Amino acid sequence: MYKNEVAQSVHNQLKPLEKECYLYCKTIYVNHPD
């Protein structure tokens, strides 16, 4: 249970970061397509 709570907490913290990184990488890709 504790492990699961920690995993959930980490997941919740990473989710918005993941989204921002995705948008950031997408912006870079759009601005500088290789």
Protein backbone atom coordinates (compact mmCIF):
# COMPACT_ATOMS: atom_id res chain seq x y z
CA MET A 1 0.00 0.00 0.00
CA TYR A 2 2.75 2.44 0.95
CA LYS A 3 4.72 1.59 -2.19
CA ASN A 4 1.60 2.13 -4.28
CA GLU A 5 0.96 5.53 -2.65
CA VAL A 6 4.52 6.63 -3.34
CA ALA A 7 4.27 5.45 -6.94
CA GLN A 8 1.01 7.34 -7.35
CA SER A 9 2.51 10.47 -5.81
CA VAL A 10 5.53 10.34 -8.11
CA HIS A 11 3.26 9.67 -11.08
CA ASN A 12 1.09 12.69 -10.23
CA GLN A 13 4.18 14.88 -9.94
CA LEU A 14 5.65 13.69 -13.24
CA LYS A 15 2.43 13.93 -15.26
CA PRO A 16 2.36 17.76 -15.66
CA LEU A 17 6.11 17.80 -16.19
CA GLU A 18 5.74 15.19 -18.92
CA LYS A 19 3.07 17.29 -20.61
CA GLU A 20 5.20 20.44 -20.48
CA CYS A 21 8.23 18.58 -21.82
CA TYR A 22 6.12 17.18 -24.62
CA LEU A 23 4.84 20.63 -25.57
CA TYR A 24 8.35 22.06 -25.26
CA CYS A 25 9.87 19.36 -27.47
CA LYS A 26 7.00 19.76 -29.92
CA THR A 27 7.64 23.50 -30.12
CA ILE A 28 11.35 22.94 -30.77
CA TYR A 29 10.51 20.38 -33.44
CA VAL A 30 8.05 22.73 -35.15
CA ASN A 31 10.48 25.64 -35.01
CA HIS A 32 13.50 23.61 -36.11
CA PRO A 33 12.46 20.62 -38.19
CA ASP A 34 15.40 18.47 -39.18
